[in-house]
Amino acid sequence: MDPTVRRYLDDLVDAARDVLDDDLVGAYAAGSVGMGAYQPGRSDVDVALVVAEPLAARRKRDLVARLRHEALPCPARGLELVAYTRAVAGSGTPEPGFEVELNTGAQMPFRATWDPAERPAADGRFWYGLDRDILHEHGYALLGPPAADVFAALAPADLRRLLVEALRWWLALPTPADDAPAPGAEDAVLGACRSLVKARDGVWLSKVAAGSRLADAGYESELIARCVAARAGGVPPSGAEARAFQRRVLAEIAAGS
């Protein structure tokens, strides 16, 4: 793990324990950190906290106050943190089910969501079930039991439905319609690769690893190679190319349901 990120996560766990005390069951690095694919300057830091019981409003506010960037500076683009009860983490539900959510960082707009009902449907409600499924497979325990013992995997039908919802959400985002390179289009393609590998092979991989697996099998090799190169400073594909790729992946995953 990147040593700067490791120190930050140690400090984050200490701060969370100060607020939650014995109610803190575990803390887990997720996303690129959990998958060993963290890229300085590009990746976020994703963390899931697991608590024994639902949190009172005061403790939610105290947790956000201690962990937001202004109190605990995040060395990455930003921190995306979600807290779940032990019951929700182990339920395998596709619903959001979180206690509190925090987005904060030097390059990330601050956002605290105190209840799943406050999460706008337009922002996507599929993230949480998918993230917990990834945590079941790849969560890096910073504190507490192994992630596989705490987070349950989604049922296959729920997993496929959330993958479809996620792809449709991404396709609904505005993107340039011309053939000019579109920064960010590489992540749209590689994110779709990750969904397709999960649907085909039943494993979660990082975006680059998923793209490489598909390219090695002869699937859209040229486009994927350009997308991987774009993450290291190369020219990204156009928005039109990314959309066409996402639609092909969506069609395959949806047909499998």
C-alpha atoms as a PDB file:
ATOM      1  CA  MET A   1       0.000   0.000   0.000  1.00  0.00           C
ATOM      2  CA  ASP A   2       1.141   3.547  -0.709  1.00  0.00           C
ATOM      3  CA  PRO A   3       2.842   4.612   2.562  1.00  0.00           C
ATOM      4  CA  THR A   4       1.156   8.028   2.613  1.00  0.00           C
ATOM      5  CA  VAL A   5      -2.244   6.404   2.194  1.00  0.00           C
ATOM      6  CA  ARG A   6      -1.378   3.823   4.877  1.00  0.00           C
ATOM      7  CA  ARG A   7      -0.577   6.567   7.407  1.00  0.00           C
ATOM      8  CA  TYR A   8      -3.764   8.403   6.497  1.00  0.00           C
ATOM      9  CA  LEU A   9      -5.864   5.282   6.954  1.00  0.00           C
ATOM     10  CA  ASP A  10      -4.264   4.594  10.341  1.00  0.00           C
ATOM     11  CA  ASP A  11      -5.156   8.125  11.429  1.00  0.00           C
ATOM     12  CA  LEU A  12      -8.677   7.722  10.041  1.00  0.00           C
ATOM     13  CA  VAL A  13      -9.238   4.526  12.025  1.00  0.00           C
ATOM     14  CA  ASP A  14      -7.940   6.199  15.203  1.00  0.00           C
ATOM     15  CA  ALA A  15     -10.306   9.145  14.697  1.00  0.00           C
ATOM     16  CA  ALA A  16     -13.249   6.840  14.008  1.00  0.00           C
ATOM     17  CA  ARG A  17     -12.508   4.886  17.186  1.00  0.00           C
ATOM     18  CA  ASP A  18     -12.441   8.104  19.184  1.00  0.00           C
ATOM     19  CA  VAL A  19     -15.999   8.822  18.042  1.00  0.00           C
ATOM     20  CA  LEU A  20     -17.477   5.321  17.926  1.00  0.00           C
ATOM     21  CA  ASP A  21     -15.512   3.581  20.685  1.00  0.00           C
ATOM     22  CA  ASP A  22     -16.546  -0.064  21.111  1.00  0.00           C
ATOM     23  CA  ASP A  23     -19.362   0.310  18.559  1.00  0.00           C
ATOM     24  CA  LEU A  24     -16.768   0.252  15.765  1.00  0.00           C
ATOM     25  CA  VAL A  25     -16.705  -3.366  14.582  1.00  0.00           C
ATOM     26  CA  GLY A  26     -14.324  -2.891  11.674  1.00  0.00           C
ATOM     27  CA  ALA A  27     -12.802  -0.552   9.109  1.00  0.00           C
ATOM     28  CA  TYR A  28     -12.039  -1.626   5.546  1.00  0.00           C
ATOM     29  CA  ALA A  29     -10.226  -0.113   2.606  1.00  0.00           C
ATOM     30  CA  ALA A  30     -12.258  -0.597  -0.547  1.00  0.00           C
ATOM     31  CA  GLY A  31     -11.994   0.430  -4.189  1.00  0.00           C
ATOM     32  CA  SER A  32      -8.557   0.777  -5.736  1.00  0.00           C
ATOM     33  CA  VAL A  33      -6.793   0.585  -2.369  1.00  0.00           C
ATOM     34  CA  GLY A  34      -8.517  -2.666  -1.475  1.00  0.00           C
ATOM     35  CA  MET A  35      -7.720  -4.113  -4.901  1.00  0.00           C
ATOM     36  CA  GLY A  36      -4.083  -3.051  -4.792  1.00  0.00           C
ATOM     37  CA  ALA A  37      -4.587  -0.737  -7.763  1.00  0.00           C
ATOM     38  CA  TYR A  38      -4.257   2.675  -6.133  1.00  0.00           C
ATOM     39  CA  GLN A  39      -2.836   5.282  -8.521  1.00  0.00           C
ATOM     40  CA  PRO A  40      -1.480   8.452  -6.830  1.00  0.00           C
ATOM     41  CA  GLY A  41      -2.942  11.591  -8.291  1.00  0.00           C
ATOM     42  CA  ARG A  42      -5.870   9.750  -9.834  1.00  0.00           C
ATOM     43  CA  SER A  43      -7.476   7.362  -7.358  1.00  0.00           C
ATOM     44  CA  ASP A  44      -9.785   8.170  -4.455  1.00  0.00           C
ATOM     45  CA  VAL A  45      -9.524   6.554  -1.044  1.00  0.00           C
ATOM     46  CA  ASP A  46     -12.612   4.427  -0.360  1.00  0.00           C
ATOM     47  CA  VAL A  47     -13.374   3.274   3.182  1.00  0.00           C
ATOM     48  CA  ALA A  48     -16.223   1.324   4.741  1.00  0.00           C
ATOM     49  CA  LEU A  49     -16.833   1.440   8.490  1.00  0.00           C
ATOM     50  CA  VAL A  50     -18.927  -1.229  10.177  1.00  0.00           C
ATOM     51  CA  VAL A  51     -20.720  -0.430  13.428  1.00  0.00           C
ATOM     52  CA  ALA A  52     -22.530  -2.672  15.858  1.00  0.00           C
ATOM     53  CA  GLU A  53     -25.809  -0.727  15.989  1.00  0.00           C
ATOM     54  CA  PRO A  54     -27.514   2.143  14.137  1.00  0.00           C
ATOM     55  CA  LEU A  55     -25.852   5.490  14.827  1.00  0.00           C
ATOM     56  CA  ALA A  56     -27.585   8.358  16.574  1.00  0.00           C
ATOM     57  CA  ALA A  57     -27.648  11.656  14.676  1.00  0.00           C
ATOM     58  CA  ARG A  58     -25.099  13.220  17.038  1.00  0.00           C
ATOM     59  CA  ARG A  59     -22.554  10.463  16.445  1.00  0.00           C
ATOM     60  CA  LYS A  60     -23.012  10.741  12.701  1.00  0.00           C
ATOM     61  CA  ARG A  61     -22.287  14.467  12.900  1.00  0.00           C
ATOM     62  CA  ASP A  62     -19.288  13.886  15.153  1.00  0.00           C
ATOM     63  CA  LEU A  63     -17.903  11.246  12.784  1.00  0.00           C
ATOM     64  CA  VAL A  64     -18.210  13.541   9.766  1.00  0.00           C
ATOM     65  CA  ALA A  65     -16.623  16.422  11.691  1.00  0.00           C
ATOM     66  CA  ARG A  66     -13.598  14.293  12.637  1.00  0.00           C
ATOM     67  CA  LEU A  67     -13.082  12.709   9.219  1.00  0.00           C
ATOM     68  CA  ARG A  68     -13.779  15.511   6.777  1.00  0.00           C
ATOM     69  CA  HIS A  69     -10.792  16.836   4.835  1.00  0.00           C
ATOM     70  CA  GLU A  70     -10.544  20.044   6.841  1.00  0.00           C
ATOM     71  CA  ALA A  71      -9.982  18.019  10.035  1.00  0.00           C
ATOM     72  CA  LEU A  72      -8.048  15.074   8.588  1.00  0.00           C
ATOM     73  CA  PRO A  73      -6.493  15.996   5.224  1.00  0.00           C
ATOM     74  CA  CYS A  74      -6.852  13.271   2.618  1.00  0.00           C
ATOM     75  CA  PRO A  75      -3.693  12.717   0.522  1.00  0.00           C
ATOM     76  CA  ALA A  76      -5.702  11.530  -2.489  1.00  0.00           C
ATOM     77  CA  ARG A  77      -8.228  13.338  -4.680  1.00  0.00           C
ATOM     78  CA  GLY A  78     -10.723  12.670  -1.938  1.00  0.00           C
ATOM     79  CA  LEU A  79     -12.219  10.289   0.588  1.00  0.00           C
ATOM     80  CA  GLU A  80     -15.406   8.353  -0.080  1.00  0.00           C
ATOM     81  CA  LEU A  81     -16.529   6.836   3.217  1.00  0.00           C
ATOM     82  CA  VAL A  82     -19.667   4.878   4.049  1.00  0.00           C
ATOM     83  CA  ALA A  83     -20.696   3.442   7.417  1.00  0.00           C
ATOM     84  CA  TYR A  84     -22.927   0.360   7.689  1.00  0.00           C
ATOM     85  CA  THR A  85     -24.287  -1.622  10.593  1.00  0.00           C
ATOM     86  CA  ARG A  86     -22.991  -5.156  10.956  1.00  0.00           C
ATOM     87  CA  ALA A  87     -26.463  -6.431  10.086  1.00  0.00           C
ATOM     88  CA  VAL A  88     -26.607  -4.540   6.764  1.00  0.00           C
ATOM     89  CA  ALA A  89     -23.018  -5.423   5.849  1.00  0.00           C
ATOM     90  CA  GLY A  90     -23.793  -9.115   6.245  1.00  0.00           C
ATOM     91  CA  SER A  91     -27.252  -9.067   4.699  1.00  0.00           C
ATOM     92  CA  GLY A  92     -26.403  -9.221   0.987  1.00  0.00           C
ATOM     93  CA  THR A  93     -29.150  -6.665   0.326  1.00  0.00           C
ATOM     94  CA  PRO A  94     -28.996  -4.625  -2.891  1.00  0.00           C
ATOM     95  CA  GLU A  95     -30.417  -1.581  -1.079  1.00  0.00           C
ATOM     96  CA  PRO A  96     -28.176   1.341   0.046  1.00  0.00           C
ATOM     97  CA  GLY A  97     -28.720   0.653   3.747  1.00  0.00           C
ATOM     98  CA  PHE A  98     -25.972   2.955   5.025  1.00  0.00           C
ATOM     99  CA  GLU A  99     -25.819   4.896   8.286  1.00  0.00           C
ATOM    100  CA  VAL A 100     -23.883   7.896   6.989  1.00  0.00           C
ATOM    101  CA  GLU A 101     -21.944   8.718   3.842  1.00  0.00           C
ATOM    102  CA  LEU A 102     -19.130  11.230   3.483  1.00  0.00           C
ATOM    103  CA  ASN A 103     -17.395  12.575   0.386  1.00  0.00           C
ATOM    104  CA  THR A 104     -14.601  15.017   1.146  1.00  0.00           C
ATOM    105  CA  GLY A 105     -11.244  16.084  -0.242  1.00  0.00           C
ATOM    106  CA  ALA A 106      -9.173  18.787  -1.849  1.00  0.00           C
ATOM    107  CA  GLN A 107     -10.540  17.868  -5.293  1.00  0.00           C
ATOM    108  CA  MET A 108     -13.923  16.456  -4.265  1.00  0.00           C
ATOM    109  CA  PRO A 109     -17.063  18.427  -3.394  1.00  0.00           C
ATOM    110  CA  PHE A 110     -18.044  17.967   0.236  1.00  0.00           C
ATOM    111  CA  ARG A 111     -21.117  15.862   0.748  1.00  0.00           C
ATOM    112  CA  ALA A 112     -22.591  14.265   3.860  1.00  0.00           C
ATOM    113  CA  THR A 113     -25.689  12.096   3.533  1.00  0.00           C
ATOM    114  CA  TRP A 114     -27.297  11.199   6.825  1.00  0.00           C
ATOM    115  CA  ASP A 115     -29.865   8.657   5.653  1.00  0.00           C
ATOM    116  CA  PRO A 116     -30.379   6.537   2.485  1.00  0.00           C
ATOM    117  CA  ALA A 117     -33.737   8.235   1.952  1.00  0.00           C
ATOM    118  CA  GLU A 118     -31.871  11.506   1.336  1.00  0.00           C
ATOM    119  CA  ARG A 119     -29.870   9.991  -1.536  1.00  0.00           C
ATOM    120  CA  PRO A 120     -31.322  11.371  -4.799  1.00  0.00           C
ATOM    121  CA  ALA A 121     -32.318   8.597  -7.185  1.00  0.00           C
ATOM    122  CA  ALA A 122     -30.646  10.540  -9.989  1.00  0.00           C
ATOM    123  CA  ASP A 123     -27.289  10.088  -8.257  1.00  0.00           C
ATOM    124  CA  GLY A 124     -27.610   6.311  -8.353  1.00  0.00           C
ATOM    125  CA  ARG A 125     -28.632   3.920  -5.596  1.00  0.00           C
ATOM    126  CA  PHE A 126     -26.757   0.934  -7.045  1.00  0.00           C
ATOM    127  CA  TRP A 127     -23.343   1.927  -5.689  1.00  0.00           C
ATOM    128  CA  TYR A 128     -23.735   0.510  -2.205  1.00  0.00           C
ATOM    129  CA  GLY A 129     -24.779  -3.051  -2.980  1.00  0.00           C
ATOM    130  CA  LEU A 130     -22.015  -3.289  -5.578  1.00  0.00           C
ATOM    131  CA  ASP A 131     -19.455  -1.794  -3.195  1.00  0.00           C
ATOM    132  CA  ARG A 132     -20.359  -4.289  -0.467  1.00  0.00           C
ATOM    133  CA  ASP A 133     -20.071  -7.124  -2.985  1.00  0.00           C
ATOM    134  CA  ILE A 134     -16.588  -5.875  -3.889  1.00  0.00           C
ATOM    135  CA  LEU A 135     -15.723  -5.580  -0.199  1.00  0.00           C
ATOM    136  CA  HIS A 136     -16.739  -9.205   0.332  1.00  0.00           C
ATOM    137  CA  GLU A 137     -14.145 -10.180  -2.264  1.00  0.00           C
ATOM    138  CA  HIS A 138     -11.431  -7.543  -1.881  1.00  0.00           C
ATOM    139  CA  GLY A 139     -11.941  -5.537   1.304  1.00  0.00           C
ATOM    140  CA  TYR A 140      -8.659  -4.781   3.102  1.00  0.00           C
ATOM    141  CA  ALA A 141      -9.182  -5.014   6.857  1.00  0.00           C
ATOM    142  CA  LEU A 142      -7.716  -2.017   8.665  1.00  0.00           C
ATOM    143  CA  LEU A 143      -9.498  -3.034  11.863  1.00  0.00           C
ATOM    144  CA  GLY A 144     -11.715  -5.974  12.756  1.00  0.00           C
ATOM    145  CA  PRO A 145     -12.503  -9.372  11.210  1.00  0.00           C
ATOM    146  CA  PRO A 146     -11.680 -10.259   7.591  1.00  0.00           C
ATOM    147  CA  ALA A 147     -13.929  -8.463   5.122  1.00  0.00           C
ATOM    148  CA  ALA A 148     -15.226 -11.756   3.706  1.00  0.00           C
ATOM    149  CA  ASP A 149     -16.622 -12.591   7.153  1.00  0.00           C
ATOM    150  CA  VAL A 150     -18.359  -9.232   7.532  1.00  0.00           C
ATOM    151  CA  PHE A 151     -19.690  -8.358   4.052  1.00  0.00           C
ATOM    152  CA  ALA A 152     -22.018 -10.703   2.193  1.00  0.00           C
ATOM    153  CA  ALA A 153     -22.042 -11.158  -1.574  1.00  0.00           C
ATOM    154  CA  LEU A 154     -25.093 -10.185  -3.599  1.00  0.00           C
ATOM    155  CA  ALA A 155     -27.424 -12.820  -4.981  1.00  0.00           C
ATOM    156  CA  PRO A 156     -26.692 -13.347  -8.712  1.00  0.00           C
ATOM    157  CA  ALA A 157     -29.967 -11.770  -9.858  1.00  0.00           C
ATOM    158  CA  ASP A 158     -29.417  -8.688  -7.678  1.00  0.00           C
ATOM    159  CA  LEU A 159     -25.828  -8.374  -8.860  1.00  0.00           C
ATOM    160  CA  ARG A 160     -26.823  -8.447 -12.514  1.00  0.00           C
ATOM    161  CA  ARG A 161     -29.631  -5.941 -11.945  1.00  0.00           C
ATOM    162  CA  LEU A 162     -27.293  -3.492 -10.228  1.00  0.00           C
ATOM    163  CA  LEU A 163     -24.670  -3.880 -12.953  1.00  0.00           C
ATOM    164  CA  VAL A 164     -27.334  -3.016 -15.525  1.00  0.00           C
ATOM    165  CA  GLU A 165     -28.508  -0.029 -13.466  1.00  0.00           C
ATOM    166  CA  ALA A 166     -24.943   1.220 -13.154  1.00  0.00           C
ATOM    167  CA  LEU A 167     -24.281   1.007 -16.892  1.00  0.00           C
ATOM    168  CA  ARG A 168     -27.539   2.774 -17.708  1.00  0.00           C
ATOM    169  CA  TRP A 169     -26.668   5.508 -15.216  1.00  0.00           C
ATOM    170  CA  TRP A 170     -23.251   6.045 -16.799  1.00  0.00           C
ATOM    171  CA  LEU A 171     -24.782   6.114 -20.275  1.00  0.00           C
ATOM    172  CA  ALA A 172     -27.205   8.830 -19.172  1.00  0.00           C
ATOM    173  CA  LEU A 173     -24.377  11.194 -18.236  1.00  0.00           C
ATOM    174  CA  PRO A 174     -23.605  13.963 -20.730  1.00  0.00           C
ATOM    175  CA  THR A 175     -20.596  13.341 -22.944  1.00  0.00           C
ATOM    176  CA  PRO A 176     -19.268  14.928 -26.152  1.00  0.00           C
ATOM    177  CA  ALA A 177     -20.925  13.391 -29.204  1.00  0.00           C
ATOM    178  CA  ASP A 178     -18.088  14.115 -31.657  1.00  0.00           C
ATOM    179  CA  ASP A 179     -14.920  12.151 -32.356  1.00  0.00           C
ATOM    180  CA  ALA A 180     -12.615  14.363 -30.275  1.00  0.00           C
ATOM    181  CA  PRO A 181     -10.768  12.754 -27.341  1.00  0.00           C
ATOM    182  CA  ALA A 182     -12.907  13.010 -24.203  1.00  0.00           C
ATOM    183  CA  PRO A 183     -11.044  12.997 -20.869  1.00  0.00           C
ATOM    184  CA  GLY A 184     -12.731  10.494 -18.575  1.00  0.00           C
ATOM    185  CA  ALA A 185     -13.995   8.322 -21.426  1.00  0.00           C
ATOM    186  CA  GLU A 186     -11.206   5.846 -20.651  1.00  0.00           C
ATOM    187  CA  ASP A 187     -12.662   5.252 -17.183  1.00  0.00           C
ATOM    188  CA  ALA A 188     -16.124   4.768 -18.663  1.00  0.00           C
ATOM    189  CA  VAL A 189     -14.753   2.016 -20.912  1.00  0.00           C
ATOM    190  CA  LEU A 190     -12.639   0.354 -18.239  1.00  0.00           C
ATOM    191  CA  GLY A 191     -15.459   0.551 -15.704  1.00  0.00           C
ATOM    192  CA  ALA A 192     -17.663  -1.279 -18.177  1.00  0.00           C
ATOM    193  CA  CYS A 193     -14.864  -3.848 -18.589  1.00  0.00           C
ATOM    194  CA  ARG A 194     -14.917  -4.469 -14.850  1.00  0.00           C
ATOM    195  CA  SER A 195     -18.683  -5.051 -14.928  1.00  0.00           C
ATOM    196  CA  LEU A 196     -18.399  -7.409 -17.866  1.00  0.00           C
ATOM    197  CA  VAL A 197     -15.646  -9.485 -16.241  1.00  0.00           C
ATOM    198  CA  LYS A 198     -17.730  -9.776 -13.089  1.00  0.00           C
ATOM    199  CA  ALA A 199     -20.780 -10.867 -15.089  1.00  0.00           C
ATOM    200  CA  ARG A 200     -18.785 -13.353 -17.201  1.00  0.00           C
ATOM    201  CA  ASP A 201     -16.244 -14.717 -14.750  1.00  0.00           C
ATOM    202  CA  GLY A 202     -17.718 -13.962 -11.337  1.00  0.00           C
ATOM    203  CA  VAL A 203     -14.706 -12.001 -10.071  1.00  0.00           C
ATOM    204  CA  TRP A 204     -14.083  -8.341  -9.368  1.00  0.00           C
ATOM    205  CA  LEU A 205     -10.893  -6.902 -10.833  1.00  0.00           C
ATOM    206  CA  SER A 206      -9.516  -3.386 -10.951  1.00  0.00           C
ATOM    207  CA  LYS A 207     -10.475  -1.406 -14.038  1.00  0.00           C
ATOM    208  CA  VAL A 208      -7.102  -1.885 -15.705  1.00  0.00           C
ATOM    209  CA  ALA A 209      -6.880  -5.577 -14.810  1.00  0.00           C
ATOM    210  CA  ALA A 210     -10.395  -6.189 -16.120  1.00  0.00           C
ATOM    211  CA  GLY A 211      -9.611  -4.373 -19.350  1.00  0.00           C
ATOM    212  CA  SER A 212      -6.409  -6.353 -19.763  1.00  0.00           C
ATOM    213  CA  ARG A 213      -8.239  -9.644 -19.213  1.00  0.00           C
ATOM    214  CA  LEU A 214     -10.771  -8.840 -21.935  1.00  0.00           C
ATOM    215  CA  ALA A 215      -8.120  -7.500 -24.323  1.00  0.00           C
ATOM    216  CA  ASP A 216      -5.990 -10.614 -23.861  1.00  0.00           C
ATOM    217  CA  ALA A 217      -9.041 -12.642 -24.851  1.00  0.00           C
ATOM    218  CA  GLY A 218      -9.394 -10.580 -28.032  1.00  0.00           C
ATOM    219  CA  TYR A 219     -12.327  -8.424 -26.904  1.00  0.00           C
ATOM    220  CA  GLU A 220     -12.015  -4.814 -28.212  1.00  0.00           C
ATOM    221  CA  SER A 221      -8.246  -5.026 -27.744  1.00  0.00           C
ATOM    222  CA  GLU A 222      -7.316  -1.821 -29.552  1.00  0.00           C
ATOM    223  CA  LEU A 223      -9.830   0.395 -27.732  1.00  0.00           C
ATOM    224  CA  ILE A 224      -8.985  -1.070 -24.338  1.00  0.00           C
ATOM    225  CA  ALA A 225      -5.252  -0.610 -24.929  1.00  0.00           C
ATOM    226  CA  ARG A 226      -5.841   3.072 -25.664  1.00  0.00           C
ATOM    227  CA  CYS A 227      -7.903   3.416 -22.500  1.00  0.00           C
ATOM    228  CA  VAL A 228      -5.214   1.820 -20.338  1.00  0.00           C
ATOM    229  CA  ALA A 229      -2.606   4.113 -21.920  1.00  0.00           C
ATOM    230  CA  ALA A 230      -4.840   7.142 -21.270  1.00  0.00           C
ATOM    231  CA  ARG A 231      -4.715   6.467 -17.531  1.00  0.00           C
ATOM    232  CA  ALA A 232      -0.959   6.987 -17.760  1.00  0.00           C
ATOM    233  CA  GLY A 233      -1.239  10.213 -19.753  1.00  0.00           C
ATOM    234  CA  GLY A 234      -2.119   8.936 -23.226  1.00  0.00           C
ATOM    235  CA  VAL A 235      -4.908  10.210 -25.445  1.00  0.00           C
ATOM    236  CA  PRO A 236      -8.364   9.092 -24.289  1.00  0.00           C
ATOM    237  CA  PRO A 237     -11.001   7.734 -26.645  1.00  0.00           C
ATOM    238  CA  SER A 238     -13.908   9.853 -27.781  1.00  0.00           C
ATOM    239  CA  GLY A 239     -17.179   9.997 -25.900  1.00  0.00           C
ATOM    240  CA  ALA A 240     -18.892   8.317 -28.843  1.00  0.00           C
ATOM    241  CA  GLU A 241     -16.468   5.373 -28.704  1.00  0.00           C
ATOM    242  CA  ALA A 242     -16.991   4.997 -24.968  1.00  0.00           C
ATOM    243  CA  ARG A 243     -20.778   5.078 -25.306  1.00  0.00           C
ATOM    244  CA  ALA A 244     -20.776   2.500 -28.070  1.00  0.00           C
ATOM    245  CA  PHE A 245     -18.603   0.203 -25.946  1.00  0.00           C
ATOM    246  CA  GLN A 246     -20.799   0.677 -22.875  1.00  0.00           C
ATOM    247  CA  ARG A 247     -23.902  -0.149 -24.919  1.00  0.00           C
ATOM    248  CA  ARG A 248     -22.349  -3.391 -26.129  1.00  0.00           C
ATOM    249  CA  VAL A 249     -21.449  -4.381 -22.584  1.00  0.00           C
ATOM    250  CA  LEU A 250     -24.903  -3.417 -21.317  1.00  0.00           C
ATOM    251  CA  ALA A 251     -26.585  -5.511 -23.987  1.00  0.00           C
ATOM    252  CA  GLU A 252     -24.541  -8.585 -23.057  1.00  0.00           C
ATOM    253  CA  ILE A 253     -25.089  -8.247 -19.305  1.00  0.00           C
ATOM    254  CA  ALA A 254     -28.795  -7.476 -19.671  1.00  0.00           C
ATOM    255  CA  ALA A 255     -29.288 -10.434 -22.009  1.00  0.00           C
ATOM    256  CA  GLY A 256     -27.710 -12.704 -19.430  1.00  0.00           C
ATOM    257  CA  SER A 257     -30.444 -11.837 -16.924  1.00  0.00           C
END
